[in-house]
Amino acid sequence: MLPAGKTQKIPENFQYRSVPQPLACGLASTSFAYGETNLGFIRDSNEDSYGYYAPSTCEPMLFAVADGIGGHGNGNFASRLLIRMLLAGWRDLGRDIPSDRKKLGPLLTDMVVSCNRRIFELNEAADNAVPMGTTLAMLAVMPDFAVTVHLGDSRVYVLRGGKLIPLTQDHSYVALLLQRGQITKEQASSHPLSHVILRSVGPTVNAEPEVRLHERRPGDRFLLCTDGVTTHLNDARIEDILKSSGSAADAVRSMINASLRAGGRDNITAIGAFL
């Protein structure tokens, strides 16, 4: 394990194939959906988790990634618990998952708020001086629309018509400075407060998930990822990988390989869904 702050030069022909570790994975066919996580080269533990429930492209699907907040003790436990609770809640809904665009967003919000309450209660019971918490990027896909729910800097993208479209906007201090025009994108990449998250699940009694409604179109290629991907790869590189990959599995593996070649300074997690 490399000491913190150290990086390793990666050979140009480097190809890493980690054993897939679906930390809370539901049912899915790897022909259209695939997820994988990697420790990276610097971290001592993996605080990322991911999961999905996708029986077929014609049925309601749920995908989610979570990144335990660094320095908030037991971040890995928080991210795993969140993913497991969300998948269990989605599975238990069964045929009761609403097909109404106006109803699905509030239902997903209630699920996240309930999970936040549970993790917050665990923090209170343990009297944690530094409460555990986690980011969340979640995507629910219905036959004709999709909904994103997120807190923090884990992201959801879609490649549509050959163009990469961000479906979420980071809840971070650096993203806020960018929105206000106080720093440039170049400054943001090396900002000393890039790790500061403004919204998360678990540390506080109230969660504020951002919910967005999106269209679903034939040929959409969705990507959910933690900042272990976006720290190393810019949007142009992510777009190129999604366009050139023949399957969701190829895209995710290429994304992780590219992130490792770029330094592997964080845990790296991605889910691809080629619909």
Protein backbone atom coordinates (compact mmCIF):
# COMPACT_ATOMS: atom_id res chain seq x y z
CA MET A 1 0.00 0.00 0.00
CA LEU A 2 1.40 3.36 -0.99
CA PRO A 3 1.66 6.08 1.68
CA ALA A 4 -0.92 8.85 1.52
CA GLY A 5 -0.03 11.49 -1.01
CA LYS A 6 2.19 9.16 -3.06
CA THR A 7 1.36 8.05 -6.58
CA GLN A 8 2.80 5.35 -8.77
CA LYS A 9 3.71 5.63 -12.44
CA ILE A 10 1.51 3.19 -14.33
CA PRO A 11 2.82 1.54 -17.51
CA GLU A 12 0.99 2.53 -20.71
CA ASN A 13 0.01 -1.09 -21.37
CA PHE A 14 -1.38 -1.55 -17.87
CA GLN A 15 -4.67 -3.48 -17.72
CA TYR A 16 -6.31 -4.09 -14.35
CA ARG A 17 -9.09 -6.61 -13.93
CA SER A 18 -10.42 -6.61 -10.40
CA VAL A 19 -12.82 -9.26 -9.19
CA PRO A 20 -16.31 -7.70 -9.37
CA GLN A 21 -17.57 -7.03 -5.84
CA PRO A 22 -21.29 -6.21 -5.94
CA LEU A 23 -21.48 -4.98 -2.35
CA ALA A 24 -25.27 -5.00 -2.43
CA CYS A 25 -26.03 -6.17 -5.93
CA GLY A 26 -29.50 -7.16 -7.04
CA LEU A 27 -30.52 -9.08 -10.11
CA ALA A 28 -29.34 -7.89 -13.51
CA SER A 29 -28.23 -9.26 -16.82
CA THR A 30 -24.64 -8.29 -17.60
CA SER A 31 -25.69 -7.88 -21.23
CA PHE A 32 -27.08 -4.43 -20.37
CA ALA A 33 -25.99 -3.59 -16.79
CA TYR A 34 -22.73 -4.02 -14.93
CA GLY A 35 -21.07 -2.60 -11.81
CA GLU A 36 -17.63 -2.83 -10.28
CA THR A 37 -15.59 -1.23 -7.50
CA ASN A 38 -11.85 -0.95 -6.95
CA LEU A 39 -9.77 -0.01 -3.91
CA GLY A 40 -7.33 2.15 -5.87
CA PHE A 41 -3.66 2.53 -4.95
CA ILE A 42 -3.78 4.88 -1.96
CA ARG A 43 -6.68 4.02 0.34
CA ASP A 44 -6.44 1.35 3.03
CA SER A 45 -10.13 0.46 2.76
CA ASN A 46 -12.93 0.74 0.23
CA GLU A 47 -15.67 3.12 1.40
CA ASP A 48 -17.61 2.87 -1.88
CA SER A 49 -20.65 0.65 -2.35
CA TYR A 50 -22.98 0.02 -5.26
CA GLY A 51 -26.04 -1.99 -6.12
CA TYR A 52 -28.72 -2.42 -8.73
CA TYR A 53 -31.98 -4.24 -9.31
CA ALA A 54 -32.67 -4.66 -13.00
CA PRO A 55 -34.49 -7.87 -14.01
CA SER A 56 -35.01 -6.64 -17.59
CA THR A 57 -35.04 -3.43 -19.61
CA CYS A 58 -38.86 -3.59 -19.74
CA GLU A 59 -39.31 -3.53 -15.95
CA PRO A 60 -38.62 -0.84 -13.33
CA MET A 61 -34.90 -0.69 -12.55
CA LEU A 62 -32.91 0.87 -9.72
CA PHE A 63 -29.19 1.67 -9.73
CA ALA A 64 -27.21 3.34 -6.93
CA VAL A 65 -23.65 4.17 -5.90
CA ALA A 66 -22.54 5.56 -2.53
CA ASP A 67 -19.23 6.87 -1.21
CA GLY A 68 -18.63 6.84 2.54
CA ILE A 69 -17.46 10.26 3.63
CA GLY A 70 -13.71 10.19 4.27
CA GLY A 71 -12.75 10.88 7.84
CA HIS A 72 -16.28 10.24 9.09
CA GLY A 73 -15.68 6.98 10.98
CA ASN A 74 -17.36 3.92 9.50
CA GLY A 75 -18.06 5.59 6.16
CA ASN A 76 -17.82 2.19 4.51
CA PHE A 77 -20.53 0.85 6.82
CA ALA A 78 -22.77 3.82 6.06
CA SER A 79 -22.47 3.40 2.29
CA ARG A 80 -23.11 -0.34 2.40
CA LEU A 81 -26.07 0.03 4.73
CA LEU A 82 -27.61 2.73 2.56
CA ILE A 83 -27.37 0.65 -0.62
CA ARG A 84 -28.80 -2.43 1.07
CA MET A 85 -31.74 -0.51 2.54
CA LEU A 86 -32.55 1.17 -0.78
CA LEU A 87 -32.46 -2.10 -2.73
CA ALA A 88 -34.55 -3.87 -0.12
CA GLY A 89 -37.11 -1.07 -0.18
CA TRP A 90 -37.31 -1.11 -3.98
CA ARG A 91 -37.62 -4.90 -4.09
CA ASP A 92 -40.36 -4.90 -1.47
CA LEU A 93 -42.42 -2.41 -3.47
CA GLY A 94 -42.79 -4.95 -6.26
CA ARG A 95 -45.84 -4.15 -8.36
CA ASP A 96 -46.54 -1.09 -6.20
CA ILE A 97 -43.75 0.94 -7.84
CA PRO A 98 -45.68 3.92 -9.25
CA SER A 99 -45.60 4.45 -13.01
CA ASP A 100 -46.83 8.03 -12.54
CA ARG A 101 -44.00 10.53 -13.10
CA LYS A 102 -45.38 12.76 -10.36
CA LYS A 103 -45.42 10.00 -7.75
CA LEU A 104 -42.11 8.19 -8.20
CA GLY A 105 -39.88 11.12 -7.21
CA PRO A 106 -41.63 11.70 -3.85
CA LEU A 107 -41.56 7.97 -3.11
CA LEU A 108 -37.80 7.80 -3.74
CA THR A 109 -37.32 10.90 -1.59
CA ASP A 110 -39.19 9.23 1.26
CA MET A 111 -36.98 6.14 0.91
CA VAL A 112 -33.80 8.21 1.18
CA VAL A 113 -35.12 10.28 4.09
CA SER A 114 -36.03 7.05 5.92
CA CYS A 115 -32.54 5.64 5.32
CA ASN A 116 -30.99 8.89 6.53
CA ARG A 117 -33.01 8.68 9.73
CA ARG A 118 -31.81 5.13 10.36
CA ILE A 119 -28.13 5.99 9.88
CA PHE A 120 -28.53 9.15 11.97
CA GLU A 121 -30.06 7.10 14.79
CA LEU A 122 -27.08 4.74 14.66
CA ASN A 123 -24.77 7.75 14.97
CA GLU A 124 -26.75 9.01 17.95
CA ALA A 125 -26.73 5.59 19.65
CA ALA A 126 -22.97 5.24 19.16
CA ASP A 127 -22.39 8.84 20.26
CA ASN A 128 -19.95 9.27 17.38
CA ALA A 129 -17.91 12.45 17.71
CA VAL A 130 -17.49 12.36 13.93
CA PRO A 131 -20.71 10.85 12.55
CA MET A 132 -20.60 8.40 9.71
CA GLY A 133 -22.16 9.43 6.43
CA THR A 134 -22.20 8.77 2.72
CA THR A 135 -22.94 10.34 -0.64
CA LEU A 136 -25.61 8.89 -2.91
CA ALA A 137 -26.29 8.87 -6.64
CA MET A 138 -29.39 6.87 -7.51
CA LEU A 139 -31.20 6.29 -10.78
CA ALA A 140 -34.66 4.77 -11.18
CA VAL A 141 -35.51 3.83 -14.77
CA MET A 142 -39.07 3.27 -15.92
CA PRO A 143 -40.23 2.29 -19.44
CA ASP A 144 -40.57 5.91 -20.60
CA PHE A 145 -38.82 8.09 -18.03
CA ALA A 146 -36.10 8.12 -15.38
CA VAL A 147 -35.57 9.80 -12.01
CA THR A 148 -32.30 10.73 -10.32
CA VAL A 149 -31.90 11.25 -6.58
CA HIS A 150 -28.56 12.40 -5.24
CA LEU A 151 -26.66 13.96 -2.36
CA GLY A 152 -22.96 14.82 -2.52
CA ASP A 153 -20.51 14.45 -5.39
CA SER A 154 -21.29 11.00 -6.76
CA ARG A 155 -22.78 11.45 -10.22
CA VAL A 156 -25.19 10.16 -12.86
CA TYR A 157 -24.58 10.69 -16.60
CA VAL A 158 -26.30 9.61 -19.79
CA LEU A 159 -24.74 9.28 -23.22
CA ARG A 160 -27.46 10.18 -25.73
CA GLY A 161 -26.96 10.83 -29.42
CA GLY A 162 -23.20 10.58 -28.95
CA LYS A 163 -23.17 13.40 -26.35
CA LEU A 164 -22.50 13.06 -22.62
CA ILE A 165 -25.16 14.73 -20.47
CA PRO A 166 -24.69 15.18 -16.70
CA LEU A 167 -27.95 14.35 -14.93
CA THR A 168 -26.78 15.52 -11.49
CA GLN A 169 -24.87 18.49 -10.14
CA ASP A 170 -22.39 18.07 -7.28
CA HIS A 171 -23.35 19.19 -3.79
CA SER A 172 -19.86 20.31 -2.82
CA TYR A 173 -18.13 23.49 -1.74
CA VAL A 174 -16.03 23.56 -4.91
CA ALA A 175 -19.11 23.10 -7.13
CA LEU A 176 -20.73 26.02 -5.31
CA LEU A 177 -17.69 28.22 -5.99
CA LEU A 178 -17.82 27.19 -9.65
CA GLN A 179 -21.52 28.07 -9.91
CA ARG A 180 -20.78 31.49 -8.44
CA GLY A 181 -17.93 32.03 -10.88
CA GLN A 182 -15.42 32.43 -8.07
CA ILE A 183 -13.03 29.77 -9.39
CA THR A 184 -12.30 28.14 -12.75
CA LYS A 185 -12.57 24.43 -13.63
CA GLU A 186 -8.77 24.26 -13.59
CA GLN A 187 -8.67 25.69 -10.06
CA ALA A 188 -11.44 23.36 -8.94
CA SER A 189 -9.44 20.24 -9.83
CA SER A 190 -6.74 21.11 -7.28
CA HIS A 191 -8.73 23.12 -4.74
CA PRO A 192 -7.73 22.33 -1.11
CA LEU A 193 -11.41 22.05 -0.09
CA SER A 194 -12.46 19.74 -2.91
CA HIS A 195 -13.35 17.09 -0.32
CA VAL A 196 -15.99 19.24 1.42
CA ILE A 197 -19.51 17.88 0.76
CA LEU A 198 -22.56 20.06 1.37
CA ARG A 199 -25.20 17.31 1.36
CA SER A 200 -24.97 13.69 2.45
CA VAL A 201 -26.87 10.83 4.06
CA GLY A 202 -26.48 10.10 7.77
CA PRO A 203 -24.59 12.82 9.64
CA THR A 204 -27.59 15.10 10.27
CA VAL A 205 -31.21 14.48 11.21
CA ASN A 206 -32.53 16.02 8.00
CA ALA A 207 -31.48 14.90 4.52
CA GLU A 208 -32.05 17.08 1.46
CA PRO A 209 -31.97 14.81 -1.60
CA GLU A 210 -32.15 16.52 -4.98
CA VAL A 211 -34.68 14.83 -7.25
CA ARG A 212 -34.82 15.31 -11.02
CA LEU A 213 -37.11 13.86 -13.69
CA HIS A 214 -35.61 12.86 -17.05
CA GLU A 215 -36.77 11.43 -20.34
CA ARG A 216 -35.71 7.91 -21.30
CA ARG A 217 -34.89 7.27 -24.95
CA PRO A 218 -33.87 4.16 -26.92
CA GLY A 219 -30.11 3.67 -26.90
CA ASP A 220 -29.47 5.62 -23.68
CA ARG A 221 -26.21 4.67 -21.98
CA PHE A 222 -26.31 5.54 -18.28
CA LEU A 223 -23.33 5.82 -15.96
CA LEU A 224 -23.34 6.16 -12.18
CA CYS A 225 -19.98 6.75 -10.51
CA THR A 226 -18.25 7.96 -7.38
CA ASP A 227 -15.68 10.74 -7.43
CA GLY A 228 -12.94 8.14 -7.81
CA VAL A 229 -13.86 8.23 -11.50
CA THR A 230 -14.48 11.95 -11.95
CA THR A 231 -11.36 12.96 -10.00
CA HIS A 232 -9.25 11.15 -12.57
CA LEU A 233 -11.28 11.47 -15.79
CA ASN A 234 -12.85 14.59 -17.28
CA ASP A 235 -16.20 14.53 -19.05
CA ALA A 236 -14.58 14.31 -22.49
CA ARG A 237 -12.74 11.11 -21.50
CA ILE A 238 -15.87 9.62 -19.94
CA GLU A 239 -17.83 10.40 -23.11
CA ASP A 240 -15.18 8.76 -25.25
CA ILE A 241 -15.22 5.58 -23.16
CA LEU A 242 -19.01 5.31 -23.20
CA LYS A 243 -19.13 5.88 -26.98
CA SER A 244 -16.39 3.39 -27.82
CA SER A 245 -17.47 0.54 -25.49
CA GLY A 246 -19.43 -2.38 -26.87
CA SER A 247 -21.16 -3.18 -23.58
CA ALA A 248 -21.79 -1.82 -20.09
CA ALA A 249 -19.18 -4.21 -18.71
CA ASP A 250 -16.56 -3.00 -21.19
CA ALA A 251 -17.33 0.63 -20.32
CA VAL A 252 -17.06 0.12 -16.56
CA ARG A 253 -13.83 -1.87 -16.81
CA SER A 254 -12.31 0.73 -19.13
CA MET A 255 -13.39 3.50 -16.75
CA ILE A 256 -11.70 1.80 -13.81
CA ASN A 257 -8.54 1.01 -15.81
CA ALA A 258 -8.28 4.62 -16.98
CA SER A 259 -8.79 5.93 -13.44
CA LEU A 260 -6.06 3.63 -12.13
CA ARG A 261 -3.67 4.73 -14.87
CA ALA A 262 -4.37 8.32 -13.86
CA GLY A 263 -3.17 7.60 -10.32
CA GLY A 264 -5.85 5.61 -8.47
CA ARG A 265 -5.85 8.13 -5.63
CA ASP A 266 -9.31 7.14 -4.38
CA ASN A 267 -11.73 4.24 -4.38
CA ILE A 268 -13.23 3.86 -7.85
CA THR A 269 -16.78 2.66 -8.46
CA ALA A 270 -19.04 2.69 -11.51
CA ILE A 271 -22.26 1.17 -12.81
CA GLY A 272 -23.09 1.15 -16.50
CA ALA A 273 -26.53 0.50 -17.98
CA PHE A 274 -26.81 0.35 -21.77
CA LEU A 275 -30.53 0.52 -22.46
